[in-house]
Protein backbone atom coordinates (compact mmCIF):
# COMPACT_ATOMS: atom_id res chain seq x y z
CA MET A 1 41.99 36.49 38.03
CA LEU A 2 41.53 38.54 41.32
CA SER A 3 44.94 39.97 42.20
CA THR A 4 44.86 40.79 45.93
CA ILE A 5 43.65 39.03 49.09
CA ARG A 6 41.53 42.02 49.56
CA ASP A 7 39.65 41.15 46.46
CA LEU A 8 39.41 37.49 47.17
CA MET A 9 37.59 37.66 50.43
CA HIS A 10 35.59 39.92 52.60
CA ARG A 11 36.61 40.45 56.21
CA VAL A 12 33.94 40.97 58.88
CA ARG A 13 33.91 44.53 60.25
CA THR A 14 30.64 44.42 62.20
CA PRO A 15 30.71 47.44 64.60
CA PHE A 16 30.46 46.36 68.38
CA THR A 17 27.12 47.31 69.84
CA PRO A 18 27.47 47.92 73.61
CA LYS A 19 23.69 47.07 73.95
CA VAL A 20 24.11 43.49 72.92
CA ASN A 21 23.23 41.09 75.85
CA SER A 22 25.89 38.51 76.94
CA VAL A 23 25.58 35.23 78.40
CA SER A 24 28.34 33.29 80.43
CA SER A 25 29.20 29.81 78.88
CA ALA A 26 30.26 26.59 80.26
CA TYR A 27 33.72 27.26 78.37
CA GLY A 28 34.43 30.29 80.67
CA ILE A 29 33.97 32.87 78.04
CA GLU A 30 31.14 35.46 77.39
CA LEU A 31 28.82 35.05 74.42
CA ALA A 32 26.49 37.44 72.53
CA ASP A 33 22.95 36.25 73.36
CA ASN A 34 21.43 34.27 70.44
CA PRO A 35 18.64 32.17 72.07
CA THR A 36 16.80 30.92 69.06
CA ASP A 37 20.20 28.97 67.81
CA TRP A 38 21.07 25.53 68.80
CA THR A 39 24.70 26.02 68.28
CA PHE A 40 24.45 28.89 70.91
CA LYS A 41 22.68 26.75 73.18
CA PHE A 42 25.43 23.98 72.86
CA TYR A 43 27.98 26.68 73.59
CA VAL A 44 26.46 27.72 76.81
CA ARG A 45 25.83 24.28 77.95
CA GLY A 46 29.13 22.84 77.19
CA SER A 47 27.58 20.30 74.76
CA TYR A 48 30.67 20.08 72.55
CA GLY A 49 32.73 18.47 75.35
CA PHE A 50 36.01 19.92 76.57
CA TYR A 51 38.80 18.14 74.58
CA LEU A 52 39.70 20.67 72.17
CA SER A 53 38.80 23.87 74.45
CA ASP A 54 41.17 22.39 77.01
CA TYR A 55 43.91 21.69 74.55
CA LEU A 56 43.55 25.30 73.24
CA LYS A 57 43.87 26.77 76.79
CA THR A 58 46.86 24.76 77.64
CA VAL A 59 49.26 25.11 74.46
CA SER A 60 52.46 26.23 76.13
CA GLU A 61 54.38 27.57 73.15
CA PRO A 62 53.67 30.13 70.35
CA PHE A 63 51.05 29.08 67.95
CA ILE A 64 48.70 30.32 65.18
CA PHE A 65 45.17 28.84 64.99
CA LEU A 66 43.12 28.48 61.84
CA ASP A 67 39.46 27.88 62.68
CA ILE A 68 37.71 26.54 59.51
CA GLY A 69 34.03 26.57 60.15
CA ALA A 70 34.27 28.89 62.97
CA ASN A 71 30.50 29.48 63.39
CA GLN A 72 30.13 32.09 66.30
CA GLY A 73 33.67 31.79 67.28
CA LEU A 74 33.85 29.64 70.48
CA TYR A 75 37.24 28.08 69.61
CA ALA A 76 38.60 31.11 67.88
CA VAL A 77 37.94 33.03 71.17
CA LEU A 78 39.39 30.33 73.52
CA ALA A 79 42.53 30.17 71.33
CA ALA A 80 42.99 33.78 71.08
CA LEU A 81 42.73 34.14 74.95
CA ASN A 82 45.80 31.92 75.35
CA PRO A 83 48.76 34.41 75.83
CA ASN A 84 50.85 32.02 73.41
CA CYS A 85 48.47 32.47 70.52
CA ARG A 86 50.09 34.85 67.97
CA LYS A 87 47.10 35.02 65.63
CA VAL A 88 43.66 33.56 64.85
CA TYR A 89 42.22 33.15 61.39
CA ALA A 90 38.51 32.46 61.70
CA PHE A 91 36.56 31.32 58.56
CA GLU A 92 32.89 31.72 58.54
CA PRO A 93 30.90 32.27 55.18
CA ILE A 94 27.54 32.98 56.65
CA GLU A 95 27.19 36.84 57.12
CA THR A 96 24.68 36.64 60.03
CA VAL A 97 26.80 33.87 61.90
CA ALA A 98 29.93 35.89 61.31
CA ALA A 99 28.39 38.95 62.74
CA PHE A 100 27.80 37.10 66.02
CA MET A 101 31.31 35.88 66.03
CA ALA A 102 32.55 39.45 65.69
CA HIS A 103 30.61 40.43 68.82
CA ASN A 104 32.02 37.44 70.70
CA VAL A 105 35.52 38.55 69.81
CA ARG A 106 35.01 41.94 71.00
CA LEU A 107 32.93 40.80 74.25
CA ASN A 108 36.12 38.78 75.23
CA ARG A 109 38.53 41.58 74.42
CA CYS A 110 40.47 39.49 71.69
CA ARG A 111 42.92 41.63 69.58
CA ASN A 112 44.34 38.73 67.36
CA VAL A 113 41.56 37.48 65.64
CA GLU A 114 41.05 37.96 61.97
CA ILE A 115 37.46 36.94 60.65
CA VAL A 116 37.23 35.82 57.09
CA GLN A 117 33.64 35.87 55.79
CA ALA A 118 34.38 32.97 53.19
CA ALA A 119 34.41 29.14 53.11
CA VAL A 120 37.55 27.28 52.29
CA SER A 121 36.85 25.12 49.22
CA ASP A 122 38.55 24.14 45.98
CA ARG A 123 37.86 27.26 44.05
CA ILE A 124 37.58 31.15 44.33
CA GLY A 125 34.17 32.48 43.77
CA ARG A 126 30.67 32.16 45.01
CA THR A 127 28.52 29.09 45.68
CA GLN A 128 25.43 28.01 47.61
CA ILE A 129 25.44 26.52 51.23
CA THR A 130 22.58 24.89 52.75
CA VAL A 131 21.40 26.29 56.11
CA ARG A 132 18.83 25.29 58.58
CA GLU A 133 16.71 27.79 60.52
CA GLY A 134 17.61 27.63 64.08
CA HIS A 135 20.97 25.62 63.89
CA SER A 136 23.80 27.58 62.35
CA GLY A 137 26.16 24.65 62.94
CA ALA A 138 24.15 22.49 60.57
CA ALA A 139 25.07 24.67 57.36
CA SER A 140 26.73 22.45 54.64
CA LEU A 141 28.31 22.66 51.28
CA LEU A 142 26.97 19.36 50.48
CA GLY A 143 23.91 20.98 49.22
CA ILE A 144 20.25 20.16 50.06
CA ASN A 145 20.32 16.96 48.04
CA GLY A 146 22.83 15.47 50.43
CA ARG A 147 21.37 16.90 53.81
CA ASN A 148 17.78 15.18 54.02
CA PRO A 149 16.30 18.72 54.00
CA ASP A 150 12.97 19.70 55.73
CA GLN A 151 10.90 22.81 55.50
CA LEU A 152 13.52 24.68 57.63
CA SER A 153 16.36 24.16 55.13
CA GLN A 154 17.29 26.66 52.50
CA GLU A 155 20.32 27.78 50.42
CA VAL A 156 22.15 30.99 50.59
CA GLU A 157 24.86 32.56 48.60
CA ILE A 158 28.41 32.55 49.88
CA ARG A 159 32.09 33.33 48.97
CA THR A 160 34.65 30.64 48.70
CA ILE A 161 38.60 30.70 48.67
CA ASP A 162 41.13 27.99 47.87
CA SER A 163 44.56 27.06 48.67
CA GLN A 164 46.02 30.11 46.82
CA ALA A 165 44.00 32.67 48.74
CA LEU A 166 44.47 30.80 51.90
CA GLY A 167 48.23 30.78 51.27
CA ARG A 168 48.33 34.46 50.69
CA LEU A 169 46.48 35.20 53.80
CA VAL A 170 48.53 33.05 56.24
CA LYS A 171 51.78 33.41 54.36
CA LYS A 172 54.68 32.09 56.30
CA PRO A 173 53.67 31.68 60.06
CA ASN A 174 56.33 32.39 62.53
CA ALA A 175 55.14 29.51 64.83
CA ARG A 176 53.48 26.11 64.90
CA VAL A 177 50.08 26.05 63.36
CA ILE A 178 46.92 24.38 64.87
CA VAL A 179 43.93 23.90 62.59
CA LYS A 180 40.27 23.04 63.47
CA ILE A 181 37.92 21.90 60.71
CA ASP A 182 34.22 21.66 61.24
CA VAL A 183 32.59 21.93 57.68
CA GLU A 184 29.83 19.31 57.86
CA GLY A 185 31.15 17.01 55.31
CA HIS A 186 33.66 19.26 53.22
CA GLU A 187 36.45 18.19 55.52
CA GLU A 188 38.35 16.26 52.82
CA VAL A 189 38.34 19.10 50.30
CA VAL A 190 39.35 21.40 53.04
CA ILE A 191 42.38 19.24 54.12
CA ASN A 192 43.37 18.87 50.34
CA GLN A 193 43.54 22.52 50.04
CA LEU A 194 45.50 22.98 53.38
CA GLN A 195 48.12 20.53 51.99
CA GLN A 196 48.58 22.81 48.83
CA CYS A 197 49.53 25.85 51.05
CA GLY A 198 53.22 26.58 51.81
CA PHE A 199 52.53 26.93 55.59
CA PHE A 200 51.30 23.30 55.79
CA ASN A 201 54.62 21.90 56.79
CA GLN A 202 54.33 24.04 60.00
CA VAL A 203 50.87 22.49 60.88
CA THR A 204 51.35 20.14 63.99
CA ASP A 205 47.72 19.29 64.84
CA VAL A 206 44.64 19.01 62.83
CA PHE A 207 41.22 18.58 64.59
CA TYR A 208 38.46 17.52 62.40
CA GLU A 209 34.88 16.36 62.56
CA CYS A 210 34.32 12.94 60.93
CA ASN A 211 30.67 11.97 59.99
CA GLU A 212 31.19 8.58 58.13
CA SER A 213 27.93 9.18 56.28
CA TRP A 214 29.55 12.05 54.57
CA ILE A 215 33.43 11.31 54.31
CA SER A 216 35.99 8.62 54.14
CA PRO A 217 38.05 8.62 57.52
CA GLU A 218 40.58 6.28 55.70
CA ARG A 219 41.26 8.55 52.96
CA ILE A 220 41.65 11.63 55.16
CA LYS A 221 43.92 9.63 57.47
CA GLU A 222 45.97 8.52 54.46
CA ARG A 223 46.41 12.06 53.30
CA LEU A 224 47.76 13.23 56.64
CA VAL A 225 49.95 10.24 57.13
CA ALA A 226 51.66 11.00 53.83
CA ARG A 227 52.36 14.50 55.38
CA GLY A 228 53.80 13.39 58.41
CA PHE A 229 51.09 12.93 60.91
CA ASP A 230 51.39 9.58 62.93
CA GLN A 231 48.98 10.02 65.83
CA PHE A 232 45.32 9.91 65.54
CA GLU A 233 43.07 10.13 68.65
CA LYS A 234 39.41 9.38 68.13
CA ILE A 235 37.07 11.72 70.32
CA GLY A 236 33.57 10.18 70.71
CA ASP A 237 31.87 7.06 69.56
CA GLY A 238 29.85 5.57 66.60
CA LYS A 239 30.06 6.78 63.35
CA HIS A 240 29.99 10.60 64.06
CA TYR A 241 33.00 11.80 65.98
CA ASP A 242 36.01 14.18 66.07
CA VAL A 243 39.53 13.27 65.36
CA HIS A 244 42.81 14.93 66.62
CA ALA A 245 45.63 14.17 64.12
CA ARG A 246 49.15 15.36 65.09
CA LYS A 247 52.91 14.71 64.48
CA SER A 248 54.89 13.09 67.17
């Protein structure tokens, strides 16, 4: 059994390269240029909408932000730039994507972001994640068999951590905790692990992606209701949308 949090995960320490080109985004932050990636293009254009970005900018009391499935760090940076944000923990298991996030954190002079190069799952160890060339946001732990793969899909090995490691990392927060989960079908597993952490009673808001082809929105809602969440706002239409769950 691994004994320390240092053993459990690898934190990204990609050196900042001043020569990296930056691009202004619709969200008001600078981004390291990554023109072949669709997630980057969505960041630049504002294609993810402004519900969560506006929320993070306007939180008016001290908070800690967990960005699970952080990708290149759009929401991690936006949270960190709020002067009321005490700490951001940004989880991104794919090395090349986490490196872009590290650049974006530095480009925007964020000093309170800790990047954790690991996926939150139900065990500590290593596993395979399906990635799609040209779209970092499509990476999923569902595996190739659950993703209708094409010739651009492949599997890469990543680190995983569970509730025990997550609890050791976050410990006892000194503020309310806001969580964003975007893990392409692994949301229920992540929420289950979060609920086992000692800090979960301090979680006031959970933003999560809901693709009804992959997960049961009813089961997730039942889990959160059982832990005191009583407001659920659907953001988007159809069978693929986001949810903001909160305690009144």
